Amino acid sequence: MTYDEKIHFLSVTLRSFEVTDFSLDMLQEISLQDLLDISLEKNKTVSFRAAWVFETIVLKDTRLLQGLLPSFFSNIREQKNWSCLRSYSKLLMYLTSKQNRLYPLDEHIEVEIIEHAFQWVIDEQCPVAVVVNCLDILNQLSQKHTWIKEELLAQINYFQRVKPSPALLSRTKRILKSYR
C-alpha cells in the first residue's frame, strides 16, 4: 500500500469502525510508525485520525510502543494540531504515570515533556482536553521534579479563576487533593 493509499484508508475507512474495534489487524498494511508519520500530515482530519488510532491501539497494549518512542518524541516537537496533541498528551499521561514500568524516561526527556506541557498549558488556543492532560502530566512529574509544584499550583489557581470549565475544575480539584 502506498503512502497515499494509507492516507485514503485512514480518511475513509476508519469512519466505519468503533473505537473498540481499533487493532493492528484492522489497519491492514498500515504500521504504527505509519500512523505516527501520518499524524504530522497537513490535513488536520487525517492527521487527527492517525493520532487517535495510534493512541487507542497502544494504550490497549502499551508493549506496542517498543521502538516507537524516539519517533513519538520527535513528533511532539513538530506537532501543531491540537487534536493530535490531545492524543499525544494522553500517551504522555501514561508514560509519566506509575503504571509505566516498561519505558523509563531519562532526565532529558522528562525536562522536554515538562517544557512542552507548560508551553501548551499557557497557550491561549490550547483546548481544555489538552490542558487537563498536561496538568496531570505535570502533577505526575512533580513527584520527581519538585520545583514543578509551585508553577503547577499557580496555573491551577489561574484556571480556577479564569477558565472554570467543569473538566478543568474536576481535574484541578483532584490534583490539589493529591498534594494534601
Foldseek 3Di string as FASTA:
>chain_A
DDLVVLLVCLLPVVVPDDLVPQEPVVSPPQALLSLLVQLLDPPPSSNLSSLSSSLSHCVVPVVSCVPVVVSLLVSLVVDDRLSSLLSSLVVLLCQLAPVPPPDDDDPVSLVVLLVSLVVLLPDPPRDPSSVLSSLSNLLSCCVVVVVSVVVSVVSLVVCVPPPVDPSSVVSSVVSVVVVD
